[in-house]
Protein backbone atom coordinates (compact mmCIF):
# COMPACT_ATOMS: atom_id res chain seq x y z
CA MET A 1 -27.55 -2.75 -2.11
CA SER A 2 -31.30 -2.36 -2.48
CA ALA A 3 -33.68 -2.64 0.47
CA ALA A 4 -35.08 -5.92 -0.94
CA ASN A 5 -31.58 -7.41 -1.33
CA ASN A 6 -30.71 -6.25 2.20
CA LEU A 7 -33.80 -8.07 3.54
CA VAL A 8 -32.87 -11.27 1.67
CA GLY A 9 -29.35 -11.17 3.22
CA THR A 10 -30.75 -10.48 6.70
CA ALA A 11 -33.27 -13.35 6.38
CA GLY A 12 -30.38 -15.76 5.56
CA GLU A 13 -28.37 -14.55 8.57
CA TYR A 14 -31.35 -15.07 10.87
CA TYR A 15 -31.95 -18.56 9.47
CA VAL A 16 -28.35 -19.53 10.24
CA CYS A 17 -28.67 -18.16 13.78
CA ALA A 18 -31.91 -19.96 14.31
CA GLU A 19 -30.47 -23.31 13.18
CA LEU A 20 -27.50 -22.94 15.51
CA CYS A 21 -29.66 -21.91 18.48
CA ARG A 22 -31.97 -24.89 17.75
CA ARG A 23 -28.88 -27.09 18.12
CA GLY A 24 -27.96 -25.62 21.51
CA TYR A 25 -25.45 -22.95 20.56
CA LEU A 26 -25.44 -19.21 21.11
CA ALA A 27 -25.46 -17.45 17.71
CA LEU A 28 -25.41 -13.71 17.28
CA LEU A 29 -25.46 -11.36 14.34
CA THR A 30 -22.52 -8.96 14.02
CA PRO A 31 -23.08 -5.27 13.26
CA LYS A 32 -23.76 -4.63 9.53
CA ASN A 33 -20.82 -4.06 7.19
CA ASN A 34 -18.50 -6.36 9.08
CA PRO A 35 -16.17 -7.23 6.18
CA LEU A 36 -15.35 -10.84 7.13
CA PHE A 37 -18.28 -12.45 8.91
CA ASP A 38 -21.92 -12.01 9.75
CA VAL A 39 -22.54 -14.46 12.62
CA VAL A 40 -20.57 -15.41 15.69
CA ALA A 41 -21.51 -18.68 17.43
CA THR A 42 -20.25 -20.10 20.69
CA ASN A 43 -20.95 -23.16 22.75
CA MET A 44 -22.95 -22.56 25.91
CA SER A 45 -19.89 -22.31 28.12
CA GLY A 46 -18.36 -19.70 25.72
CA SER A 47 -15.15 -21.72 25.57
CA LYS A 48 -15.29 -22.24 21.79
CA SER A 49 -16.46 -19.99 19.00
CA VAL A 50 -16.70 -19.84 15.22
CA ALA A 51 -17.28 -17.03 12.75
CA ILE A 52 -19.66 -17.52 9.81
CA GLN A 53 -19.99 -15.46 6.66
CA VAL A 54 -23.51 -15.83 5.23
CA LYS A 55 -24.38 -15.46 1.58
CA THR A 56 -28.12 -15.62 0.71
CA ARG A 57 -29.90 -15.93 -2.58
CA SER A 58 -33.60 -15.46 -3.07
CA GLU A 59 -35.91 -17.59 -5.14
CA ARG A 60 -35.71 -14.92 -7.89
CA ASN A 61 -31.97 -15.25 -8.16
CA THR A 62 -31.13 -17.62 -11.01
CA GLN A 63 -27.39 -16.78 -11.16
CA GLY A 64 -26.28 -18.17 -7.85
CA TRP A 65 -24.46 -16.73 -4.88
CA LYS A 66 -22.43 -13.65 -5.58
CA LEU A 67 -19.15 -13.65 -3.75
CA GLY A 68 -16.46 -11.03 -3.43
CA THR A 69 -13.00 -11.56 -4.76
CA ASP A 70 -11.57 -11.90 -1.25
CA ILE A 71 -12.96 -15.42 -1.22
CA THR A 72 -10.11 -16.42 -3.53
CA LYS A 73 -7.43 -14.95 -1.26
CA LYS A 74 -7.78 -17.96 1.00
CA VAL A 75 -7.01 -15.84 4.11
CA ALA A 76 -9.31 -16.51 6.95
CA PRO A 77 -8.95 -16.99 10.68
CA ALA A 78 -9.23 -20.49 12.13
CA GLY A 79 -12.79 -21.50 12.75
CA MET A 80 -14.17 -19.50 9.87
CA PHE A 81 -17.11 -20.91 7.89
CA ILE A 82 -19.36 -19.84 5.03
CA ALA A 83 -23.07 -20.65 4.92
CA LEU A 84 -24.67 -20.44 1.46
CA VAL A 85 -28.40 -19.96 2.05
CA ASN A 86 -30.87 -20.70 -0.67
CA LEU A 87 -34.31 -19.29 0.06
CA VAL A 88 -36.65 -21.67 -1.75
CA PRO A 89 -40.37 -21.01 -2.16
CA GLU A 90 -42.84 -22.74 0.16
CA SER A 91 -40.09 -24.66 2.00
CA ALA A 92 -37.35 -24.30 4.58
CA PRO A 93 -34.17 -22.79 3.17
CA GLU A 94 -31.30 -24.93 1.97
CA ILE A 95 -28.11 -24.10 3.80
CA TYR A 96 -24.77 -25.31 2.46
CA ILE A 97 -21.99 -25.22 5.07
CA TYR A 98 -18.35 -24.86 4.03
CA GLU A 99 -15.06 -24.35 5.86
CA TYR A 100 -13.86 -21.02 4.44
CA THR A 101 -10.69 -22.50 2.91
CA VAL A 102 -12.62 -25.37 1.24
CA LEU A 103 -15.05 -23.01 -0.55
CA SER A 104 -12.16 -20.69 -1.40
CA LYS A 105 -10.36 -23.50 -3.29
CA ARG A 106 -13.62 -24.47 -5.08
CA ILE A 107 -14.32 -20.89 -6.22
CA THR A 108 -10.71 -20.29 -7.32
CA GLY A 109 -10.76 -23.47 -9.45
CA LEU A 110 -14.08 -22.61 -11.07
CA TYR A 111 -13.05 -19.07 -11.77
CA GLU A 112 -9.78 -20.19 -13.35
CA GLN A 113 -11.77 -22.51 -15.63
CA TYR A 114 -14.08 -19.61 -16.51
CA LEU A 115 -11.20 -17.32 -17.41
CA ALA A 116 -9.50 -20.01 -19.47
CA LYS A 117 -12.57 -20.50 -21.69
CA PRO A 118 -12.71 -17.78 -24.42
CA LYS A 119 -15.87 -15.78 -24.98
CA ARG A 120 -18.08 -16.70 -27.98
CA ASP A 121 -16.20 -14.26 -30.18
CA GLY A 122 -12.92 -15.92 -29.28
CA SER A 123 -11.62 -13.03 -27.15
CA ALA A 124 -10.25 -13.59 -23.65
CA ARG A 125 -12.45 -13.09 -20.62
CA LYS A 126 -11.64 -10.23 -18.29
CA ASP A 127 -11.30 -10.50 -14.58
CA VAL A 128 -14.29 -9.08 -12.73
CA GLY A 129 -14.77 -7.92 -9.13
CA PHE A 130 -16.96 -10.81 -8.06
CA ARG A 131 -17.39 -14.61 -8.32
CA TRP A 132 -20.60 -16.59 -8.92
CA PHE A 133 -21.26 -19.99 -7.43
CA ASP A 134 -24.34 -21.95 -8.43
CA GLU A 135 -25.75 -25.44 -8.23
CA VAL A 136 -24.82 -25.87 -11.92
CA ASN A 137 -21.21 -26.05 -10.69
CA PHE A 138 -21.93 -28.41 -7.79
CA ILE A 139 -20.03 -31.62 -7.44
CA GLU A 140 -21.01 -34.46 -5.11
CA ASP A 141 -19.15 -32.88 -2.17
CA ASP A 142 -21.21 -29.68 -2.55
CA HIS A 143 -24.48 -31.54 -2.61
CA GLY A 144 -23.39 -33.38 0.55
CA ARG A 145 -23.05 -30.08 2.45
CA LYS A 146 -26.76 -29.29 2.24
CA ASN A 147 -28.06 -28.72 5.73
CA ARG A 148 -25.02 -30.54 7.15
CA TRP A 149 -24.08 -28.65 10.27
CA GLY A 150 -21.47 -31.21 11.41
CA PRO A 151 -18.37 -29.13 10.68
CA ILE A 152 -19.65 -26.22 12.83
CA VAL A 153 -20.95 -28.52 15.54
CA ASP A 154 -17.56 -30.30 15.64
CA ALA A 155 -15.71 -26.96 15.93
CA LEU A 156 -17.95 -25.80 18.75
CA GLY A 157 -18.08 -29.12 20.64
CA SER A 158 -20.74 -29.57 23.31
């Protein structure tokens, strides 16, 4: 990963932490290269916690969020969320909050549709080691997740 991409990812993680802290929760970054999540958040008493994987795209990224194939394995601990951060120019970032299993099902369905559609030359598409997710693929439910922190707030309680 290039230094610029690393900074974009780090910016998204800090934005997620800032939003959670602003709402009265303790949010901490995990050490780099944690394979499953980037942020741990707890309520102030420490009695409830959630883990959040953060995927960030910069304003230069026109393809969407690049996700690993593990997203389609649908295996995640309880209380696991994904925050898709869109760094938009001259504005606060857009953050889409998903329960891990919900986004996993969306990505799996979209990827199956992609594989089922032949290439322009009629040949079959090959499986690749990543999955793209972009606003082009958004349905109403996805749009409704923009800056909606309710699922995480509900999981953490007060």
